[in-house]
Amino acid sequence: MSVPIQPLADYVVAQPIEAATKTASGLYLPGGAQEKPKVVNVVAVGKEVKNVKAGDQIIYKGYSETQIKVDGVEYLLVKEEDVIATVK
């Protein structure tokens, strides 16, 4: 997949993972009730990023990202220092 954004320095470009639209018991959630995901898929990293690579799933600090939409696709820009953990 070609990413139209090349991050600089210690920034990570990620795509949000689809939020759950149904509860475990089978109830459907309206858009406003869905929890905003804090786990994202990394699609590109800046040259100074040391601990994260493209293809990783990461957990990041809430409200520390910059959201951008390019060609109808939503991306998040997160500083590496705001990455809390990787998901295995």
PDB file of N, CA and C in Angstrom:
ATOM      1  N   MET A   1       0.834  -1.179   0.000  1.00  0.00           N
ATOM      2  CA  MET A   1       0.000   0.000   0.000  1.00  0.00           C
ATOM      3  C   MET A   1       0.882   1.246   0.000  1.00  0.00           C
ATOM      4  N   SER A   2       0.647   2.117  -0.909  1.00  0.00           N
ATOM      5  CA  SER A   2       1.399   3.357  -1.003  1.00  0.00           C
ATOM      6  C   SER A   2       0.741   4.413  -0.126  1.00  0.00           C
ATOM      7  N   VAL A   3       1.537   5.048   0.714  1.00  0.00           N
ATOM      8  CA  VAL A   3       1.030   6.061   1.631  1.00  0.00           C
ATOM      9  C   VAL A   3       1.389   7.440   1.076  1.00  0.00           C
ATOM     10  N   PRO A   4       0.399   8.329   0.903  1.00  0.00           N
ATOM     11  CA  PRO A   4       0.678   9.638   0.319  1.00  0.00           C
ATOM     12  C   PRO A   4       1.319  10.631   1.290  1.00  0.00           C
ATOM     13  N   ILE A   5       1.587  10.210   2.505  1.00  0.00           N
ATOM     14  CA  ILE A   5       2.171  11.091   3.523  1.00  0.00           C
ATOM     15  C   ILE A   5       3.505  10.510   3.950  1.00  0.00           C
ATOM     16  N   GLN A   6       4.566  11.306   3.913  1.00  0.00           N
ATOM     17  CA  GLN A   6       5.870  10.887   4.415  1.00  0.00           C
ATOM     18  C   GLN A   6       6.150  11.694   5.679  1.00  0.00           C
ATOM     19  N   PRO A   7       6.128  11.048   6.835  1.00  0.00           N
ATOM     20  CA  PRO A   7       6.342  11.786   8.085  1.00  0.00           C
ATOM     21  C   PRO A   7       7.790  12.246   8.233  1.00  0.00           C
ATOM     22  N   LEU A   8       7.976  13.354   8.914  1.00  0.00           N
ATOM     23  CA  LEU A   8       9.300  13.894   9.189  1.00  0.00           C
ATOM     24  C   LEU A   8       9.694  13.592  10.630  1.00  0.00           C
ATOM     25  N   ALA A   9      10.972  13.626  10.892  1.00  0.00           N
ATOM     26  CA  ALA A   9      11.552  13.507  12.232  1.00  0.00           C
ATOM     27  C   ALA A   9      11.015  12.288  12.976  1.00  0.00           C
ATOM     28  N   ASP A  10      10.364  12.525  14.126  1.00  0.00           N
ATOM     29  CA  ASP A  10       9.918  11.428  14.988  1.00  0.00           C
ATOM     30  C   ASP A  10       8.403  11.223  14.935  1.00  0.00           C
ATOM     31  N   TYR A  11       7.801  11.497  13.779  1.00  0.00           N
ATOM     32  CA  TYR A  11       6.361  11.297  13.637  1.00  0.00           C
ATOM     33  C   TYR A  11       6.046   9.938  13.024  1.00  0.00           C
ATOM     34  N   VAL A  12       4.885   9.407  13.410  1.00  0.00           N
ATOM     35  CA  VAL A  12       4.372   8.138  12.925  1.00  0.00           C
ATOM     36  C   VAL A  12       3.050   8.421  12.220  1.00  0.00           C
ATOM     37  N   VAL A  13       2.850   7.861  11.026  1.00  0.00           N
ATOM     38  CA  VAL A  13       1.566   7.962  10.322  1.00  0.00           C
ATOM     39  C   VAL A  13       0.841   6.644  10.536  1.00  0.00           C
ATOM     40  N   ALA A  14      -0.414   6.730  10.970  1.00  0.00           N
ATOM     41  CA  ALA A  14      -1.183   5.525  11.265  1.00  0.00           C
ATOM     42  C   ALA A  14      -2.602   5.661  10.750  1.00  0.00           C
ATOM     43  N   GLN A  15      -3.269   4.517  10.613  1.00  0.00           N
ATOM     44  CA  GLN A  15      -4.673   4.502  10.234  1.00  0.00           C
ATOM     45  C   GLN A  15      -5.460   3.903  11.388  1.00  0.00           C
ATOM     46  N   PRO A  16      -6.595   4.525  11.716  1.00  0.00           N
ATOM     47  CA  PRO A  16      -7.419   3.992  12.806  1.00  0.00           C
ATOM     48  C   PRO A  16      -7.967   2.612  12.464  1.00  0.00           C
ATOM     49  N   ILE A  17      -8.134   1.808  13.484  1.00  0.00           N
ATOM     50  CA  ILE A  17      -8.774   0.507  13.336  1.00  0.00           C
ATOM     51  C   ILE A  17     -10.272   0.738  13.487  1.00  0.00           C
ATOM     52  N   GLU A  18     -11.052   0.075  12.666  1.00  0.00           N
ATOM     53  CA  GLU A  18     -12.509   0.233  12.671  1.00  0.00           C
ATOM     54  C   GLU A  18     -13.067   0.029  14.071  1.00  0.00           C
ATOM     55  N   ALA A  19     -13.850   0.990  14.570  1.00  0.00           N
ATOM     56  CA  ALA A  19     -14.476   0.884  15.886  1.00  0.00           C
ATOM     57  C   ALA A  19     -15.594  -0.152  15.847  1.00  0.00           C
ATOM     58  N   ALA A  20     -15.789  -0.807  16.970  1.00  0.00           N
ATOM     59  CA  ALA A  20     -16.847  -1.820  17.050  1.00  0.00           C
ATOM     60  C   ALA A  20     -18.205  -1.160  16.897  1.00  0.00           C
ATOM     61  N   THR A  21     -19.063  -1.749  16.072  1.00  0.00           N
ATOM     62  CA  THR A  21     -20.407  -1.205  15.875  1.00  0.00           C
ATOM     63  C   THR A  21     -21.450  -2.043  16.598  1.00  0.00           C
ATOM     64  N   LYS A  22     -20.988  -3.141  17.219  1.00  0.00           N
ATOM     65  CA  LYS A  22     -21.905  -4.019  17.914  1.00  0.00           C
ATOM     66  C   LYS A  22     -21.269  -4.461  19.226  1.00  0.00           C
ATOM     67  N   THR A  23     -22.063  -4.537  20.288  1.00  0.00           N
ATOM     68  CA  THR A  23     -21.549  -4.995  21.577  1.00  0.00           C
ATOM     69  C   THR A  23     -21.414  -6.510  21.567  1.00  0.00           C
ATOM     70  N   ALA A  24     -20.774  -7.051  22.599  1.00  0.00           N
ATOM     71  CA  ALA A  24     -20.605  -8.499  22.714  1.00  0.00           C
ATOM     72  C   ALA A  24     -21.952  -9.218  22.793  1.00  0.00           C
ATOM     73  N   SER A  25     -22.963  -8.541  23.331  1.00  0.00           N
ATOM     74  CA  SER A  25     -24.288  -9.162  23.453  1.00  0.00           C
ATOM     75  C   SER A  25     -25.127  -9.001  22.186  1.00  0.00           C
ATOM     76  N   GLY A  26     -24.595  -8.308  21.168  1.00  0.00           N
ATOM     77  CA  GLY A  26     -25.290  -8.205  19.894  1.00  0.00           C
ATOM     78  C   GLY A  26     -26.036  -6.909  19.655  1.00  0.00           C
ATOM     79  N   LEU A  27     -25.952  -5.949  20.574  1.00  0.00           N
ATOM     80  CA  LEU A  27     -26.618  -4.657  20.392  1.00  0.00           C
ATOM     81  C   LEU A  27     -25.781  -3.764  19.487  1.00  0.00           C
ATOM     82  N   TYR A  28     -26.445  -3.073  18.577  1.00  0.00           N
ATOM     83  CA  TYR A  28     -25.736  -2.154  17.680  1.00  0.00           C
ATOM     84  C   TYR A  28     -25.576  -0.797  18.347  1.00  0.00           C
ATOM     85  N   LEU A  29     -24.393  -0.204  18.194  1.00  0.00           N
ATOM     86  CA  LEU A  29     -24.090   1.089  18.795  1.00  0.00           C
ATOM     87  C   LEU A  29     -24.266   2.214  17.784  1.00  0.00           C
ATOM     88  N   PRO A  30     -24.945   3.304  18.162  1.00  0.00           N
ATOM     89  CA  PRO A  30     -25.006   4.453  17.259  1.00  0.00           C
ATOM     90  C   PRO A  30     -23.634   5.114  17.186  1.00  0.00           C
ATOM     91  N   GLY A  31     -23.396   5.895  16.132  1.00  0.00           N
ATOM     92  CA  GLY A  31     -22.092   6.519  15.904  1.00  0.00           C
ATOM     93  C   GLY A  31     -21.540   7.281  17.086  1.00  0.00           C
ATOM     94  N   GLY A  32     -22.374   8.027  17.797  1.00  0.00           N
ATOM     95  CA  GLY A  32     -21.912   8.831  18.925  1.00  0.00           C
ATOM     96  C   GLY A  32     -21.517   8.010  20.137  1.00  0.00           C
ATOM     97  N   ALA A  33     -22.007   6.793  20.245  1.00  0.00           N
ATOM     98  CA  ALA A  33     -21.730   5.953  21.410  1.00  0.00           C
ATOM     99  C   ALA A  33     -20.502   5.079  21.210  1.00  0.00           C
ATOM    100  N   GLN A  34     -19.965   5.037  19.998  1.00  0.00           N
ATOM    101  CA  GLN A  34     -18.810   4.193  19.734  1.00  0.00           C
ATOM    102  C   GLN A  34     -17.556   4.825  20.321  1.00  0.00           C
ATOM    103  N   GLU A  35     -16.766   4.011  20.987  1.00  0.00           N
ATOM    104  CA  GLU A  35     -15.533   4.502  21.580  1.00  0.00           C
ATOM    105  C   GLU A  35     -14.511   4.794  20.489  1.00  0.00           C
ATOM    106  N   LYS A  36     -13.836   5.928  20.616  1.00  0.00           N
ATOM    107  CA  LYS A  36     -12.801   6.288  19.649  1.00  0.00           C
ATOM    108  C   LYS A  36     -11.579   5.403  19.886  1.00  0.00           C
ATOM    109  N   PRO A  37     -11.089   4.732  18.856  1.00  0.00           N
ATOM    110  CA  PRO A  37      -9.985   3.797  19.073  1.00  0.00           C
ATOM    111  C   PRO A  37      -8.681   4.511  19.407  1.00  0.00           C
ATOM    112  N   LYS A  38      -7.925   3.918  20.288  1.00  0.00           N
ATOM    113  CA  LYS A  38      -6.598   4.414  20.623  1.00  0.00           C
ATOM    114  C   LYS A  38      -5.542   3.431  20.140  1.00  0.00           C
ATOM    115  N   VAL A  39      -6.001   2.355  19.469  1.00  0.00           N
ATOM    116  CA  VAL A  39      -5.105   1.393  18.845  1.00  0.00           C
ATOM    117  C   VAL A  39      -5.188   1.635  17.350  1.00  0.00           C
ATOM    118  N   VAL A  40      -4.031   1.805  16.715  1.00  0.00           N
ATOM    119  CA  VAL A  40      -3.995   2.133  15.285  1.00  0.00           C
ATOM    120  C   VAL A  40      -2.931   1.292  14.584  1.00  0.00           C
ATOM    121  N   ASN A  41      -3.054   1.179  13.273  1.00  0.00           N
ATOM    122  CA  ASN A  41      -2.067   0.490  12.441  1.00  0.00           C
ATOM    123  C   ASN A  41      -1.072   1.508  11.893  1.00  0.00           C
ATOM    124  N   VAL A  42       0.207   1.276  12.099  1.00  0.00           N
ATOM    125  CA  VAL A  42       1.256   2.161  11.598  1.00  0.00           C
ATOM    126  C   VAL A  42       1.470   1.885  10.111  1.00  0.00           C
ATOM    127  N   VAL A  43       1.451   2.938   9.294  1.00  0.00           N
ATOM    128  CA  VAL A  43       1.660   2.773   7.853  1.00  0.00           C
ATOM    129  C   VAL A  43       2.957   3.419   7.366  1.00  0.00           C
ATOM    130  N   ALA A  44       3.518   4.346   8.135  1.00  0.00           N
ATOM    131  CA  ALA A  44       4.790   4.984   7.765  1.00  0.00           C
ATOM    132  C   ALA A  44       5.408   5.612   9.011  1.00  0.00           C
ATOM    133  N   VAL A  45       6.733   5.711   9.042  1.00  0.00           N
ATOM    134  CA  VAL A  45       7.430   6.331  10.174  1.00  0.00           C
ATOM    135  C   VAL A  45       8.484   7.305   9.663  1.00  0.00           C
ATOM    136  N   GLY A  46       8.772   8.317  10.478  1.00  0.00           N
ATOM    137  CA  GLY A  46       9.816   9.278  10.155  1.00  0.00           C
ATOM    138  C   GLY A  46      11.200   8.676  10.375  1.00  0.00           C
ATOM    139  N   LYS A  47      12.227   9.366   9.864  1.00  0.00           N
ATOM    140  CA  LYS A  47      13.596   8.851   9.929  1.00  0.00           C
ATOM    141  C   LYS A  47      14.155   8.734  11.343  1.00  0.00           C
ATOM    142  N   GLU A  48      13.630   9.518  12.281  1.00  0.00           N
ATOM    143  CA  GLU A  48      14.151   9.496  13.649  1.00  0.00           C
ATOM    144  C   GLU A  48      13.395   8.534  14.569  1.00  0.00           C
ATOM    145  N   VAL A  49      12.412   7.838  14.059  1.00  0.00           N
ATOM    146  CA  VAL A  49      11.638   6.887  14.871  1.00  0.00           C
ATOM    147  C   VAL A  49      12.472   5.629  15.066  1.00  0.00           C
ATOM    148  N   LYS A  50      12.610   5.205  16.335  1.00  0.00           N
ATOM    149  CA  LYS A  50      13.486   4.080  16.648  1.00  0.00           C
ATOM    150  C   LYS A  50      12.742   2.820  17.078  1.00  0.00           C
ATOM    151  N   ASN A  51      11.583   2.951  17.725  1.00  0.00           N
ATOM    152  CA  ASN A  51      10.945   1.798  18.359  1.00  0.00           C
ATOM    153  C   ASN A  51       9.693   1.292  17.667  1.00  0.00           C
ATOM    154  N   VAL A  52       9.287   1.913  16.582  1.00  0.00           N
ATOM    155  CA  VAL A  52       8.057   1.536  15.878  1.00  0.00           C
ATOM    156  C   VAL A  52       8.377   1.421  14.396  1.00  0.00           C
ATOM    157  N   LYS A  53       7.726   0.462  13.727  1.00  0.00           N
ATOM    158  CA  LYS A  53       7.929   0.311  12.283  1.00  0.00           C
ATOM    159  C   LYS A  53       6.586   0.148  11.598  1.00  0.00           C
ATOM    160  N   ALA A  54       6.558   0.372  10.300  1.00  0.00           N
ATOM    161  CA  ALA A  54       5.337   0.199   9.522  1.00  0.00           C
ATOM    162  C   ALA A  54       4.856  -1.238   9.683  1.00  0.00           C
ATOM    163  N   GLY A  55       3.555  -1.406   9.863  1.00  0.00           N
ATOM    164  CA  GLY A  55       2.971  -2.724  10.075  1.00  0.00           C
ATOM    165  C   GLY A  55       2.652  -3.009  11.526  1.00  0.00           C
ATOM    166  N   ASP A  56       3.245  -2.251  12.458  1.00  0.00           N
ATOM    167  CA  ASP A  56       2.949  -2.427  13.881  1.00  0.00           C
ATOM    168  C   ASP A  56       1.567  -1.879  14.211  1.00  0.00           C
ATOM    169  N   GLN A  57       0.979  -2.408  15.269  1.00  0.00           N
ATOM    170  CA  GLN A  57      -0.196  -1.791  15.871  1.00  0.00           C
ATOM    171  C   GLN A  57       0.294  -1.139  17.153  1.00  0.00           C
ATOM    172  N   ILE A  58      -0.125   0.106  17.382  1.00  0.00           N
ATOM    173  CA  ILE A  58       0.341   0.836  18.561  1.00  0.00           C
ATOM    174  C   ILE A  58      -0.827   1.370  19.367  1.00  0.00           C
ATOM    175  N   ILE A  59      -0.556   1.633  20.637  1.00  0.00           N
ATOM    176  CA  ILE A  59      -1.475   2.342  21.522  1.00  0.00           C
ATOM    177  C   ILE A  59      -0.816   3.680  21.808  1.00  0.00           C
ATOM    178  N   TYR A  60      -1.580   4.763  21.690  1.00  0.00           N
ATOM    179  CA  TYR A  60      -1.005   6.089  21.881  1.00  0.00           C
ATOM    180  C   TYR A  60      -1.828   6.887  22.885  1.00  0.00           C
ATOM    181  N   LYS A  61      -1.223   7.949  23.400  1.00  0.00           N
ATOM    182  CA  LYS A  61      -1.912   8.833  24.343  1.00  0.00           C
ATOM    183  C   LYS A  61      -3.069   9.517  23.640  1.00  0.00           C
ATOM    184  N   GLY A  62      -4.219   9.513  24.260  1.00  0.00           N
ATOM    185  CA  GLY A  62      -5.393  10.150  23.672  1.00  0.00           C
ATOM    186  C   GLY A  62      -5.206  11.653  23.532  1.00  0.00           C
ATOM    187  N   TYR A  63      -5.807  12.228  22.531  1.00  0.00           N
ATOM    188  CA  TYR A  63      -5.802  13.661  22.256  1.00  0.00           C
ATOM    189  C   TYR A  63      -4.429  14.212  21.906  1.00  0.00           C
ATOM    190  N   SER A  64      -3.494  13.335  21.529  1.00  0.00           N
ATOM    191  CA  SER A  64      -2.161  13.832  21.160  1.00  0.00           C
ATOM    192  C   SER A  64      -1.910  13.712  19.667  1.00  0.00           C
ATOM    193  N   GLU A  65      -2.912  13.262  18.921  1.00  0.00           N
ATOM    194  CA  GLU A  65      -2.716  13.033  17.492  1.00  0.00           C
ATOM    195  C   GLU A  65      -3.231  14.199  16.652  1.00  0.00           C
ATOM    196  N   THR A  66      -2.761  14.250  15.415  1.00  0.00           N
ATOM    197  CA  THR A  66      -3.270  15.182  14.418  1.00  0.00           C
ATOM    198  C   THR A  66      -3.992  14.348  13.372  1.00  0.00           C
ATOM    199  N   GLN A  67      -5.250  14.655  13.129  1.00  0.00           N
ATOM    200  CA  GLN A  67      -6.036  13.900  12.155  1.00  0.00           C
ATOM    201  C   GLN A  67      -6.005  14.613  10.818  1.00  0.00           C
ATOM    202  N   ILE A  68      -5.882  13.823   9.749  1.00  0.00           N
ATOM    203  CA  ILE A  68      -5.871  14.384   8.403  1.00  0.00           C
ATOM    204  C   ILE A  68      -6.531  13.372   7.470  1.00  0.00           C
ATOM    205  N   LYS A  69      -7.191  13.887   6.445  1.00  0.00           N
ATOM    206  CA  LYS A  69      -7.823  13.029   5.444  1.00  0.00           C
ATOM    207  C   LYS A  69      -7.202  13.341   4.096  1.00  0.00           C
ATOM    208  N   VAL A  70      -6.669  12.318   3.422  1.00  0.00           N
ATOM    209  CA  VAL A  70      -6.049  12.464   2.111  1.00  0.00           C
ATOM    210  C   VAL A  70      -6.717  11.475   1.167  1.00  0.00           C
ATOM    211  N   ASP A  71      -7.244  11.975   0.063  1.00  0.00           N
ATOM    212  CA  ASP A  71      -7.927  11.134  -0.923  1.00  0.00           C
ATOM    213  C   ASP A  71      -9.013  10.276  -0.290  1.00  0.00           C
ATOM    214  N   GLY A  72      -9.722  10.838   0.693  1.00  0.00           N
ATOM    215  CA  GLY A  72     -10.823  10.132   1.337  1.00  0.00           C
ATOM    216  C   GLY A  72     -10.412   9.120   2.396  1.00  0.00           C
ATOM    217  N   VAL A  73      -9.115   8.999   2.673  1.00  0.00           N
ATOM    218  CA  VAL A  73      -8.613   8.059   3.673  1.00  0.00           C
ATOM    219  C   VAL A  73      -8.148   8.842   4.895  1.00  0.00           C
ATOM    220  N   GLU A  74      -8.586   8.404   6.083  1.00  0.00           N
ATOM    221  CA  GLU A  74      -8.218   9.091   7.318  1.00  0.00           C
ATOM    222  C   GLU A  74      -6.886   8.565   7.845  1.00  0.00           C
ATOM    223  N   TYR A  75      -5.998   9.483   8.204  1.00  0.00           N
ATOM    224  CA  TYR A  75      -4.703   9.162   8.792  1.00  0.00           C
ATOM    225  C   TYR A  75      -4.543   9.933  10.090  1.00  0.00           C
ATOM    226  N   LEU A  76      -3.701   9.397  10.967  1.00  0.00           N
ATOM    227  CA  LEU A  76      -3.347  10.080  12.205  1.00  0.00           C
ATOM    228  C   LEU A  76      -1.839  10.283  12.215  1.00  0.00           C
ATOM    229  N   LEU A  77      -1.404  11.449  12.658  1.00  0.00           N
ATOM    230  CA  LEU A  77       0.014  11.727  12.864  1.00  0.00           C
ATOM    231  C   LEU A  77       0.243  11.772  14.370  1.00  0.00           C
ATOM    232  N   VAL A  78       1.147  10.920  14.846  1.00  0.00           N
ATOM    233  CA  VAL A  78       1.426  10.804  16.276  1.00  0.00           C
ATOM    234  C   VAL A  78       2.928  10.912  16.475  1.00  0.00           C
ATOM    235  N   LYS A  79       3.367  11.688  17.459  1.00  0.00           N
ATOM    236  CA  LYS A  79       4.791  11.751  17.786  1.00  0.00           C
ATOM    237  C   LYS A  79       5.186  10.449  18.474  1.00  0.00           C
ATOM    238  N   GLU A  80       6.400   9.983  18.208  1.00  0.00           N
ATOM    239  CA  GLU A  80       6.845   8.726  18.815  1.00  0.00           C
ATOM    240  C   GLU A  80       6.792   8.795  20.340  1.00  0.00           C
ATOM    241  N   GLU A  81       7.047   9.943  20.918  1.00  0.00           N
ATOM    242  CA  GLU A  81       7.016  10.060  22.387  1.00  0.00           C
ATOM    243  C   GLU A  81       5.609   9.846  22.962  1.00  0.00           C
ATOM    244  N   ASP A  82       4.571   9.948  22.131  1.00  0.00           N
ATOM    245  CA  ASP A  82       3.201   9.733  22.584  1.00  0.00           C
ATOM    246  C   ASP A  82       2.739   8.285  22.393  1.00  0.00           C
ATOM    247  N   VAL A  83       3.600   7.445  21.821  1.00  0.00           N
ATOM    248  CA  VAL A  83       3.284   6.024  21.667  1.00  0.00           C
ATOM    249  C   VAL A  83       3.549   5.366  23.021  1.00  0.00           C
ATOM    250  N   ILE A  84       2.535   4.673  23.540  1.00  0.00           N
ATOM    251  CA  ILE A  84       2.635   4.053  24.854  1.00  0.00           C
ATOM    252  C   ILE A  84       3.106   2.602  24.759  1.00  0.00           C
ATOM    253  N   ALA A  85       2.610   1.869  23.732  1.00  0.00           N
ATOM    254  CA  ALA A  85       2.932   0.444  23.615  1.00  0.00           C
ATOM    255  C   ALA A  85       2.656  -0.051  22.207  1.00  0.00           C
ATOM    256  N   THR A  86       3.224  -1.217  21.889  1.00  0.00           N
ATOM    257  CA  THR A  86       2.873  -1.900  20.651  1.00  0.00           C
ATOM    258  C   THR A  86       2.005  -3.090  21.020  1.00  0.00           C
ATOM    259  N   VAL A  87       1.145  -3.493  20.103  1.00  0.00           N
ATOM    260  CA  VAL A  87       0.230  -4.610  20.323  1.00  0.00           C
ATOM    261  C   VAL A  87       0.757  -5.803  19.539  1.00  0.00           C
ATOM    262  N   LYS A  88       0.853  -6.944  20.176  1.00  0.00           N
ATOM    263  CA  LYS A  88       1.351  -8.156  19.500  1.00  0.00           C
ATOM    264  C   LYS A  88       0.210  -9.029  19.079  1.00  0.00           C
TER     265      LYS A  88
END
